[in-house]
C-alpha atoms as a PDB file:
ATOM      1  CA  UNK A   1    -176.986 113.385 -72.175  1.00  0.00           C
ATOM      2  CA  UNK A   2    -173.874 115.500 -72.736  1.00  0.00           C
ATOM      3  CA  UNK A   3    -172.063 117.645 -70.175  1.00  0.00           C
ATOM      4  CA  UNK A   4    -172.787 121.335 -69.718  1.00  0.00           C
ATOM      5  CA  UNK A   5    -170.265 123.185 -71.872  1.00  0.00           C
ATOM      6  CA  UNK A   6    -168.881 126.618 -71.020  1.00  0.00           C
ATOM      7  CA  UNK A   7    -170.775 128.108 -73.972  1.00  0.00           C
ATOM      8  CA  UNK A   8    -174.043 126.528 -72.832  1.00  0.00           C
ATOM      9  CA  UNK A   9    -173.513 127.735 -69.280  1.00  0.00           C
ATOM     10  CA  UNK A  10    -172.813 131.236 -70.571  1.00  0.00           C
ATOM     11  CA  UNK A  11    -176.056 131.215 -72.586  1.00  0.00           C
ATOM     12  CA  UNK A  12    -178.082 130.078 -69.558  1.00  0.00           C
ATOM     13  CA  UNK A  13    -176.343 132.611 -67.290  1.00  0.00           C
ATOM     14  CA  UNK A  14    -177.007 135.471 -69.720  1.00  0.00           C
ATOM     15  CA  UNK A  15    -180.654 134.428 -69.982  1.00  0.00           C
ATOM     16  CA  UNK A  16    -181.286 134.359 -66.241  1.00  0.00           C
ATOM     17  CA  UNK A  17    -179.394 137.615 -65.669  1.00  0.00           C
ATOM     18  CA  UNK A  18    -181.177 139.558 -68.398  1.00  0.00           C
ATOM     19  CA  UNK A  19    -184.651 138.252 -67.537  1.00  0.00           C
ATOM     20  CA  UNK A  20    -184.524 137.839 -63.758  1.00  0.00           C
ATOM     21  CA  UNK A  21    -181.510 139.829 -62.552  1.00  0.00           C
ATOM     22  CA  UNK A  22    -179.777 136.813 -61.010  1.00  0.00           C
ATOM     23  CA  UNK A  23    -176.033 136.699 -61.583  1.00  0.00           C
ATOM     24  CA  UNK A  24    -174.439 133.241 -61.789  1.00  0.00           C
ATOM     25  CA  UNK A  25    -170.659 133.153 -61.562  1.00  0.00           C
ATOM     26  CA  UNK A  26    -168.517 130.367 -63.060  1.00  0.00           C
ATOM     27  CA  UNK A  27    -168.535 128.579 -59.709  1.00  0.00           C
ATOM     28  CA  UNK A  28    -172.264 127.929 -60.188  1.00  0.00           C
ATOM     29  CA  UNK A  29    -171.769 125.791 -63.291  1.00  0.00           C
ATOM     30  CA  UNK A  30    -171.911 122.471 -61.436  1.00  0.00           C
ATOM     31  CA  UNK A  31    -174.995 123.643 -59.515  1.00  0.00           C
ATOM     32  CA  UNK A  32    -176.792 124.535 -62.742  1.00  0.00           C
ATOM     33  CA  UNK A  33    -175.872 121.156 -64.201  1.00  0.00           C
ATOM     34  CA  UNK A  34    -177.152 119.224 -61.189  1.00  0.00           C
ATOM     35  CA  UNK A  35    -180.414 121.169 -60.956  1.00  0.00           C
ATOM     36  CA  UNK A  36    -181.289 121.044 -64.650  1.00  0.00           C
ATOM     37  CA  UNK A  37    -180.020 117.606 -65.666  1.00  0.00           C
ATOM     38  CA  UNK A  38    -183.179 115.932 -64.358  1.00  0.00           C
ATOM     39  CA  UNK A  39    -185.319 118.140 -66.594  1.00  0.00           C
ATOM     40  CA  UNK A  40    -183.168 117.252 -69.610  1.00  0.00           C
ATOM     41  CA  UNK A  41    -183.574 113.523 -68.915  1.00  0.00           C
ATOM     42  CA  UNK A  42    -187.303 113.896 -68.360  1.00  0.00           C
ATOM     43  CA  UNK A  43    -187.796 115.808 -71.614  1.00  0.00           C
ATOM     44  CA  UNK A  44    -185.441 113.565 -73.600  1.00  0.00           C
ATOM     45  CA  UNK A  45    -182.965 116.297 -74.566  1.00  0.00           C
ATOM     46  CA  UNK A  46    -179.501 115.147 -75.602  1.00  0.00           C
ATOM     47  CA  UNK A  47    -177.767 118.429 -74.780  1.00  0.00           C
ATOM     48  CA  UNK A  48    -178.204 121.646 -72.827  1.00  0.00           C
ATOM     49  CA  UNK A  49    -178.331 123.454 -76.163  1.00  0.00           C
ATOM     50  CA  UNK A  50    -181.467 121.481 -77.058  1.00  0.00           C
ATOM     51  CA  UNK A  51    -182.948 122.334 -73.646  1.00  0.00           C
ATOM     52  CA  UNK A  52    -182.092 126.038 -73.958  1.00  0.00           C
ATOM     53  CA  UNK A  53    -183.702 126.226 -77.409  1.00  0.00           C
ATOM     54  CA  UNK A  54    -186.851 124.704 -75.902  1.00  0.00           C
ATOM     55  CA  UNK A  55    -186.748 127.145 -72.985  1.00  0.00           C
ATOM     56  CA  UNK A  56    -186.530 130.332 -75.054  1.00  0.00           C
ATOM     57  CA  UNK A  57    -189.060 129.182 -77.665  1.00  0.00           C
ATOM     58  CA  UNK A  58    -191.736 127.883 -75.289  1.00  0.00           C
ATOM     59  CA  UNK A  59    -194.777 130.182 -75.219  1.00  0.00           C
ATOM     60  CA  UNK A  60    -196.858 128.312 -72.654  1.00  0.00           C
ATOM     61  CA  UNK A  61    -194.852 129.668 -69.709  1.00  0.00           C
ATOM     62  CA  UNK A  62    -194.385 126.184 -68.257  1.00  0.00           C
ATOM     63  CA  UNK A  63    -190.726 125.900 -69.240  1.00  0.00           C
ATOM     64  CA  UNK A  64    -189.766 129.206 -67.631  1.00  0.00           C
ATOM     65  CA  UNK A  65    -191.673 128.396 -64.432  1.00  0.00           C
ATOM     66  CA  UNK A  66    -189.872 125.070 -64.063  1.00  0.00           C
ATOM     67  CA  UNK A  67    -186.536 126.680 -64.936  1.00  0.00           C
ATOM     68  CA  UNK A  68    -186.885 129.341 -62.226  1.00  0.00           C
ATOM     69  CA  UNK A  69    -188.020 126.792 -59.657  1.00  0.00           C
ATOM     70  CA  UNK A  70    -184.922 124.713 -60.415  1.00  0.00           C
ATOM     71  CA  UNK A  71    -182.196 127.336 -60.466  1.00  0.00           C
ATOM     72  CA  UNK A  72    -183.284 129.773 -57.750  1.00  0.00           C
ATOM     73  CA  UNK A  73    -182.302 129.220 -54.134  1.00  0.00           C
ATOM     74  CA  UNK A  74    -185.178 129.509 -51.659  1.00  0.00           C
ATOM     75  CA  UNK A  75    -183.509 129.088 -48.299  1.00  0.00           C
ATOM     76  CA  UNK A  76    -184.849 130.843 -45.247  1.00  0.00           C
ATOM     77  CA  UNK A  77    -185.993 130.090 -41.712  1.00  0.00           C
ATOM     78  CA  UNK A  78    -188.031 131.577 -38.896  1.00  0.00           C
ATOM     79  CA  UNK A  79    -186.446 134.445 -36.947  1.00  0.00           C
ATOM     80  CA  UNK A  80    -183.636 134.903 -39.480  1.00  0.00           C
ATOM     81  CA  UNK A  81    -181.755 138.099 -38.536  1.00  0.00           C
ATOM     82  CA  UNK A  82    -183.945 138.429 -35.459  1.00  0.00           C
ATOM     83  CA  UNK A  83    -182.879 141.977 -34.602  1.00  0.00           C
ATOM     84  CA  UNK A  84    -184.838 143.190 -37.634  1.00  0.00           C
ATOM     85  CA  UNK A  85    -188.053 141.839 -36.195  1.00  0.00           C
ATOM     86  CA  UNK A  86    -187.237 143.448 -32.841  1.00  0.00           C
ATOM     87  CA  UNK A  87    -186.667 146.814 -34.518  1.00  0.00           C
ATOM     88  CA  UNK A  88    -189.872 146.455 -36.532  1.00  0.00           C
ATOM     89  CA  UNK A  89    -191.850 145.682 -33.367  1.00  0.00           C
ATOM     90  CA  UNK A  90    -190.274 148.217 -31.026  1.00  0.00           C
ATOM     91  CA  UNK A  91    -189.543 151.169 -33.316  1.00  0.00           C
ATOM     92  CA  UNK A  92    -191.268 150.986 -36.687  1.00  0.00           C
ATOM     93  CA  UNK A  93    -194.750 149.932 -35.553  1.00  0.00           C
ATOM     94  CA  UNK A  94    -195.132 152.563 -32.800  1.00  0.00           C
ATOM     95  CA  UNK A  95    -193.989 155.218 -35.274  1.00  0.00           C
ATOM     96  CA  UNK A  96    -196.469 154.048 -37.917  1.00  0.00           C
ATOM     97  CA  UNK A  97    -199.300 153.844 -35.417  1.00  0.00           C
ATOM     98  CA  UNK A  98    -198.691 157.422 -34.318  1.00  0.00           C
ATOM     99  CA  UNK A  99    -198.273 158.824 -37.829  1.00  0.00           C
ATOM    100  CA  UNK A 100    -201.162 156.996 -39.482  1.00  0.00           C
ATOM    101  CA  UNK A 101    -203.732 157.941 -36.909  1.00  0.00           C
ATOM    102  CA  UNK A 102    -207.269 157.290 -38.090  1.00  0.00           C
ATOM    103  CA  UNK A 103    -206.161 155.864 -41.445  1.00  0.00           C
ATOM    104  CA  UNK A 104    -205.106 152.589 -39.787  1.00  0.00           C
ATOM    105  CA  UNK A 105    -203.710 151.079 -42.991  1.00  0.00           C
ATOM    106  CA  UNK A 106    -200.191 149.644 -42.737  1.00  0.00           C
ATOM    107  CA  UNK A 107    -198.793 148.684 -46.138  1.00  0.00           C
ATOM    108  CA  UNK A 108    -195.978 146.152 -45.879  1.00  0.00           C
ATOM    109  CA  UNK A 109    -194.318 144.266 -48.738  1.00  0.00           C
ATOM    110  CA  UNK A 110    -192.078 141.205 -48.400  1.00  0.00           C
ATOM    111  CA  UNK A 111    -190.173 141.070 -51.704  1.00  0.00           C
ATOM    112  CA  UNK A 112    -188.625 137.647 -52.246  1.00  0.00           C
ATOM    113  CA  UNK A 113    -190.681 135.963 -49.526  1.00  0.00           C
ATOM    114  CA  UNK A 114    -189.451 132.439 -50.372  1.00  0.00           C
ATOM    115  CA  UNK A 115    -191.330 129.778 -48.361  1.00  0.00           C
ATOM    116  CA  UNK A 116    -193.142 132.286 -46.139  1.00  0.00           C
ATOM    117  CA  UNK A 117    -191.322 132.355 -42.828  1.00  0.00           C
ATOM    118  CA  UNK A 118    -190.595 136.089 -43.016  1.00  0.00           C
ATOM    119  CA  UNK A 119    -194.121 137.377 -43.781  1.00  0.00           C
ATOM    120  CA  UNK A 120    -195.674 134.975 -41.273  1.00  0.00           C
ATOM    121  CA  UNK A 121    -193.303 136.225 -38.567  1.00  0.00           C
ATOM    122  CA  UNK A 122    -194.185 139.829 -39.375  1.00  0.00           C
ATOM    123  CA  UNK A 123    -197.895 139.038 -39.369  1.00  0.00           C
ATOM    124  CA  UNK A 124    -197.636 137.432 -35.925  1.00  0.00           C
ATOM    125  CA  UNK A 125    -195.990 140.628 -34.669  1.00  0.00           C
ATOM    126  CA  UNK A 126    -198.813 142.661 -36.201  1.00  0.00           C
ATOM    127  CA  UNK A 127    -201.465 140.401 -34.662  1.00  0.00           C
ATOM    128  CA  UNK A 128    -199.854 140.721 -31.256  1.00  0.00           C
ATOM    129  CA  UNK A 129    -200.181 144.493 -31.487  1.00  0.00           C
ATOM    130  CA  UNK A 130    -203.467 145.072 -33.321  1.00  0.00           C
ATOM    131  CA  UNK A 131    -205.716 142.007 -33.132  1.00  0.00           C
ATOM    132  CA  UNK A 132    -208.663 142.356 -30.766  1.00  0.00           C
ATOM    133  CA  UNK A 133    -208.661 146.139 -30.734  1.00  0.00           C
ATOM    134  CA  UNK A 134    -212.040 147.830 -31.077  1.00  0.00           C
ATOM    135  CA  UNK A 135    -210.703 149.944 -33.934  1.00  0.00           C
ATOM    136  CA  UNK A 136    -209.978 147.937 -37.089  1.00  0.00           C
ATOM    137  CA  UNK A 137    -206.466 148.071 -38.552  1.00  0.00           C
ATOM    138  CA  UNK A 138    -205.675 146.828 -42.056  1.00  0.00           C
ATOM    139  CA  UNK A 139    -202.436 144.918 -41.604  1.00  0.00           C
ATOM    140  CA  UNK A 140    -202.498 142.633 -44.622  1.00  0.00           C
ATOM    141  CA  UNK A 141    -199.031 141.873 -45.969  1.00  0.00           C
ATOM    142  CA  UNK A 142    -198.113 141.543 -49.633  1.00  0.00           C
ATOM    143  CA  UNK A 143    -195.591 138.707 -50.059  1.00  0.00           C
ATOM    144  CA  UNK A 144    -194.086 138.101 -53.495  1.00  0.00           C
ATOM    145  CA  UNK A 145    -191.598 135.718 -55.040  1.00  0.00           C
ATOM    146  CA  UNK A 146    -190.553 134.588 -58.493  1.00  0.00           C
ATOM    147  CA  UNK A 147    -190.724 130.876 -57.612  1.00  0.00           C
ATOM    148  CA  UNK A 148    -194.068 129.118 -58.005  1.00  0.00           C
ATOM    149  CA  UNK A 149    -192.960 126.222 -55.797  1.00  0.00           C
ATOM    150  CA  UNK A 150    -191.870 128.579 -53.004  1.00  0.00           C
ATOM    151  CA  UNK A 151    -195.192 130.434 -53.144  1.00  0.00           C
ATOM    152  CA  UNK A 152    -197.182 127.190 -53.060  1.00  0.00           C
ATOM    153  CA  UNK A 153    -195.313 126.072 -49.949  1.00  0.00           C
ATOM    154  CA  UNK A 154    -195.714 129.493 -48.332  1.00  0.00           C
ATOM    155  CA  UNK A 155    -199.460 129.602 -48.973  1.00  0.00           C
ATOM    156  CA  UNK A 156    -199.946 126.192 -47.331  1.00  0.00           C
ATOM    157  CA  UNK A 157    -198.236 127.424 -44.178  1.00  0.00           C
ATOM    158  CA  UNK A 158    -197.098 123.964 -43.068  1.00  0.00           C
ATOM    159  CA  UNK A 159    -193.736 123.699 -41.295  1.00  0.00           C
ATOM    160  CA  UNK A 160    -191.853 120.916 -39.570  1.00  0.00           C
ATOM    161  CA  UNK A 161    -191.530 120.747 -35.813  1.00  0.00           C
ATOM    162  CA  UNK A 162    -187.825 121.567 -36.059  1.00  0.00           C
ATOM    163  CA  UNK A 163    -188.418 124.681 -38.155  1.00  0.00           C
ATOM    164  CA  UNK A 164    -190.808 126.268 -35.628  1.00  0.00           C
ATOM    165  CA  UNK A 165    -188.602 125.609 -32.595  1.00  0.00           C
ATOM    166  CA  UNK A 166    -186.960 129.016 -32.960  1.00  0.00           C
ATOM    167  CA  UNK A 167    -190.296 130.775 -32.430  1.00  0.00           C
ATOM    168  CA  UNK A 168    -191.478 131.971 -29.013  1.00  0.00           C
ATOM    169  CA  UNK A 169    -193.619 129.403 -27.221  1.00  0.00           C
ATOM    170  CA  UNK A 170    -196.541 131.824 -27.001  1.00  0.00           C
ATOM    171  CA  UNK A 171    -196.579 132.057 -30.804  1.00  0.00           C
ATOM    172  CA  UNK A 172    -196.422 128.298 -31.249  1.00  0.00           C
ATOM    173  CA  UNK A 173    -199.452 127.979 -28.989  1.00  0.00           C
ATOM    174  CA  UNK A 174    -201.445 130.913 -30.338  1.00  0.00           C
ATOM    175  CA  UNK A 175    -200.737 130.789 -34.048  1.00  0.00           C
ATOM    176  CA  UNK A 176    -199.992 127.157 -34.950  1.00  0.00           C
ATOM    177  CA  UNK A 177    -202.056 123.984 -35.054  1.00  0.00           C
ATOM    178  CA  UNK A 178    -200.765 120.401 -35.363  1.00  0.00           C
ATOM    179  CA  UNK A 179    -201.185 118.786 -38.762  1.00  0.00           C
ATOM    180  CA  UNK A 180    -199.742 116.058 -40.938  1.00  0.00           C
ATOM    181  CA  UNK A 181    -196.132 117.034 -41.584  1.00  0.00           C
ATOM    182  CA  UNK A 182    -195.713 119.251 -38.523  1.00  0.00           C
ATOM    183  CA  UNK A 183    -197.629 122.433 -37.737  1.00  0.00           C
ATOM    184  CA  UNK A 184    -199.806 124.730 -39.811  1.00  0.00           C
ATOM    185  CA  UNK A 185    -200.114 128.484 -39.376  1.00  0.00           C
ATOM    186  CA  UNK A 186    -203.558 129.429 -38.114  1.00  0.00           C
ATOM    187  CA  UNK A 187    -206.064 130.759 -40.630  1.00  0.00           C
ATOM    188  CA  UNK A 188    -206.151 134.134 -38.865  1.00  0.00           C
ATOM    189  CA  UNK A 189    -202.502 134.648 -39.871  1.00  0.00           C
ATOM    190  CA  UNK A 190    -202.623 132.990 -43.313  1.00  0.00           C
ATOM    191  CA  UNK A 191    -205.644 135.028 -44.384  1.00  0.00           C
ATOM    192  CA  UNK A 192    -203.829 138.304 -43.743  1.00  0.00           C
ATOM    193  CA  UNK A 193    -201.044 137.594 -46.226  1.00  0.00           C
ATOM    194  CA  UNK A 194    -201.435 137.965 -49.984  1.00  0.00           C
ATOM    195  CA  UNK A 195    -198.972 135.667 -51.759  1.00  0.00           C
ATOM    196  CA  UNK A 196    -198.345 136.722 -55.353  1.00  0.00           C
ATOM    197  CA  UNK A 197    -195.844 135.889 -58.083  1.00  0.00           C
ATOM    198  CA  UNK A 198    -193.672 138.857 -59.062  1.00  0.00           C
ATOM    199  CA  UNK A 199    -190.429 139.315 -60.957  1.00  0.00           C
ATOM    200  CA  UNK A 200    -188.412 142.118 -59.354  1.00  0.00           C
ATOM    201  CA  UNK A 201    -186.966 142.809 -62.801  1.00  0.00           C
ATOM    202  CA  UNK A 202    -190.380 143.937 -64.087  1.00  0.00           C
ATOM    203  CA  UNK A 203    -190.332 147.554 -65.215  1.00  0.00           C
ATOM    204  CA  UNK A 204    -193.648 148.270 -63.522  1.00  0.00           C
ATOM    205  CA  UNK A 205    -195.016 146.846 -60.273  1.00  0.00           C
ATOM    206  CA  UNK A 206    -198.824 146.452 -60.122  1.00  0.00           C
ATOM    207  CA  UNK A 207    -199.345 148.304 -56.847  1.00  0.00           C
ATOM    208  CA  UNK A 208    -202.074 150.825 -56.122  1.00  0.00           C
ATOM    209  CA  UNK A 209    -200.330 152.717 -53.324  1.00  0.00           C
ATOM    210  CA  UNK A 210    -196.796 153.155 -51.947  1.00  0.00           C
ATOM    211  CA  UNK A 211    -195.534 151.050 -49.070  1.00  0.00           C
ATOM    212  CA  UNK A 212    -194.693 151.997 -45.511  1.00  0.00           C
ATOM    213  CA  UNK A 213    -192.222 149.111 -45.109  1.00  0.00           C
ATOM    214  CA  UNK A 214    -190.386 146.884 -47.582  1.00  0.00           C
ATOM    215  CA  UNK A 215    -188.497 143.764 -46.574  1.00  0.00           C
ATOM    216  CA  UNK A 216    -186.137 142.503 -49.292  1.00  0.00           C
ATOM    217  CA  UNK A 217    -183.562 140.482 -47.403  1.00  0.00           C
ATOM    218  CA  UNK A 218    -180.911 138.183 -48.864  1.00  0.00           C
ATOM    219  CA  UNK A 219    -182.286 138.614 -52.375  1.00  0.00           C
ATOM    220  CA  UNK A 220    -179.980 141.236 -53.881  1.00  0.00           C
ATOM    221  CA  UNK A 221    -176.880 139.155 -53.069  1.00  0.00           C
ATOM    222  CA  UNK A 222    -177.703 137.254 -56.267  1.00  0.00           C
ATOM    223  CA  UNK A 223    -177.884 140.428 -58.406  1.00  0.00           C
ATOM    224  CA  UNK A 224    -175.101 142.257 -60.175  1.00  0.00           C
ATOM    225  CA  UNK A 225    -174.532 145.888 -59.179  1.00  0.00           C
ATOM    226  CA  UNK A 226    -176.502 147.572 -61.994  1.00  0.00           C
ATOM    227  CA  UNK A 227    -179.498 145.325 -61.308  1.00  0.00           C
ATOM    228  CA  UNK A 228    -179.248 145.957 -57.584  1.00  0.00           C
ATOM    229  CA  UNK A 229    -179.007 149.729 -58.074  1.00  0.00           C
ATOM    230  CA  UNK A 230    -182.064 149.729 -60.344  1.00  0.00           C
ATOM    231  CA  UNK A 231    -184.072 147.689 -57.828  1.00  0.00           C
ATOM    232  CA  UNK A 232    -183.115 149.959 -54.929  1.00  0.00           C
ATOM    233  CA  UNK A 233    -184.383 152.907 -56.977  1.00  0.00           C
ATOM    234  CA  UNK A 234    -187.696 151.060 -57.506  1.00  0.00           C
ATOM    235  CA  UNK A 235    -187.963 150.503 -53.760  1.00  0.00           C
ATOM    236  CA  UNK A 236    -187.328 154.215 -53.214  1.00  0.00           C
ATOM    237  CA  UNK A 237    -190.107 155.044 -55.657  1.00  0.00           C
ATOM    238  CA  UNK A 238    -192.549 152.687 -53.934  1.00  0.00           C
ATOM    239  CA  UNK A 239    -191.891 153.838 -50.370  1.00  0.00           C
ATOM    240  CA  UNK A 240    -193.745 156.686 -48.706  1.00  0.00           C
ATOM    241  CA  UNK A 241    -191.548 159.451 -47.263  1.00  0.00           C
ATOM    242  CA  UNK A 242    -190.397 158.099 -43.918  1.00  0.00           C
ATOM    243  CA  UNK A 243    -190.807 154.499 -45.105  1.00  0.00           C
ATOM    244  CA  UNK A 244    -188.343 151.758 -44.194  1.00  0.00           C
ATOM    245  CA  UNK A 245    -186.322 149.338 -46.319  1.00  0.00           C
ATOM    246  CA  UNK A 246    -184.934 146.183 -44.679  1.00  0.00           C
ATOM    247  CA  UNK A 247    -182.182 144.302 -46.543  1.00  0.00           C
ATOM    248  CA  UNK A 248    -180.065 141.313 -45.553  1.00  0.00           C
ATOM    249  CA  UNK A 249    -177.059 141.685 -43.263  1.00  0.00           C
ATOM    250  CA  UNK A 250    -174.853 140.457 -46.115  1.00  0.00           C
ATOM    251  CA  UNK A 251    -176.154 143.373 -48.205  1.00  0.00           C
ATOM    252  CA  UNK A 252    -175.688 147.103 -47.905  1.00  0.00           C
ATOM    253  CA  UNK A 253    -176.511 150.349 -49.673  1.00  0.00           C
ATOM    254  CA  UNK A 254    -174.015 153.053 -50.396  1.00  0.00           C
ATOM    255  CA  UNK A 255    -174.628 156.253 -48.463  1.00  0.00           C
ATOM    256  CA  UNK A 256    -175.742 158.055 -51.584  1.00  0.00           C
ATOM    257  CA  UNK A 257    -177.775 155.236 -53.094  1.00  0.00           C
ATOM    258  CA  UNK A 258    -181.222 156.583 -53.918  1.00  0.00           C
ATOM    259  CA  UNK A 259    -180.982 158.962 -50.944  1.00  0.00           C
ATOM    260  CA  UNK A 260    -181.722 156.403 -48.226  1.00  0.00           C
ATOM    261  CA  UNK A 261    -180.697 157.206 -44.667  1.00  0.00           C
ATOM    262  CA  UNK A 262    -178.869 154.520 -42.682  1.00  0.00           C
ATOM    263  CA  UNK A 263    -180.691 153.622 -39.451  1.00  0.00           C
ATOM    264  CA  UNK A 264    -179.186 150.398 -38.079  1.00  0.00           C
ATOM    265  CA  UNK A 265    -177.317 147.589 -39.863  1.00  0.00           C
ATOM    266  CA  UNK A 266    -179.297 146.578 -42.974  1.00  0.00           C
ATOM    267  CA  UNK A 267    -182.187 148.989 -42.226  1.00  0.00           C
ATOM    268  CA  UNK A 268    -182.639 152.202 -44.212  1.00  0.00           C
ATOM    269  CA  UNK A 269    -185.236 154.971 -44.253  1.00  0.00           C
ATOM    270  CA  UNK A 270    -186.507 157.234 -46.999  1.00  0.00           C
ATOM    271  CA  UNK A 271    -186.298 160.751 -45.525  1.00  0.00           C
ATOM    272  CA  UNK A 272    -189.489 162.698 -44.931  1.00  0.00           C
ATOM    273  CA  UNK A 273    -188.275 165.475 -47.238  1.00  0.00           C
END
């Protein structure tokens, strides 16, 4: 198998940027080589050009799925950027509860949910507040990602003992059960999350109603500015007036971007008017 040439890397980079919005700088060349070389050996390709031809011509969808699973980075952990969860619990939820009244339908989307720690954390917060009430609240969370492998892991809800140490003890006792490989999220939490595959580059999102809250944290750091700006506009379009957008602390929106109002670091609100 030959090395990854600059021209081959450029072709792969252009493909992933145009189709999935992910921008790979020259420093990522060795990473792309290491993550894809196993696929080349497995398929018997002599060069990355042969592999790329196979990728773009495949109509089964299998090649693209494996490609995305190889080159995307799905790194997250429980309680990442914990102050966001505190703000969601202490400020956003009371506001939603007051404003929604008898409708009792909280629509929350985790865009780029990776292996599931973020939506599960949010669902535990929702259960703490609403479970057991005589009035029924719909608090199901939509959690999407482009990686099939990440979604499969998230749906299983199995995490190592080390990964759940950061969670409050009351959560570990109430919402986890021991299993082979560590601990599994209880069915009451898993059943209230809808894991779906979604490409944030899609022109149209298949939603029936706008969201009250969108979490898209540490995803846009991989996008170039035009892609990021277009995605922020989509989030604006899919938020109700007064809805909240949470991004990663390494990310930010310009003051004029899509009209969002800065609330606290990495949290923005669509104005009511």
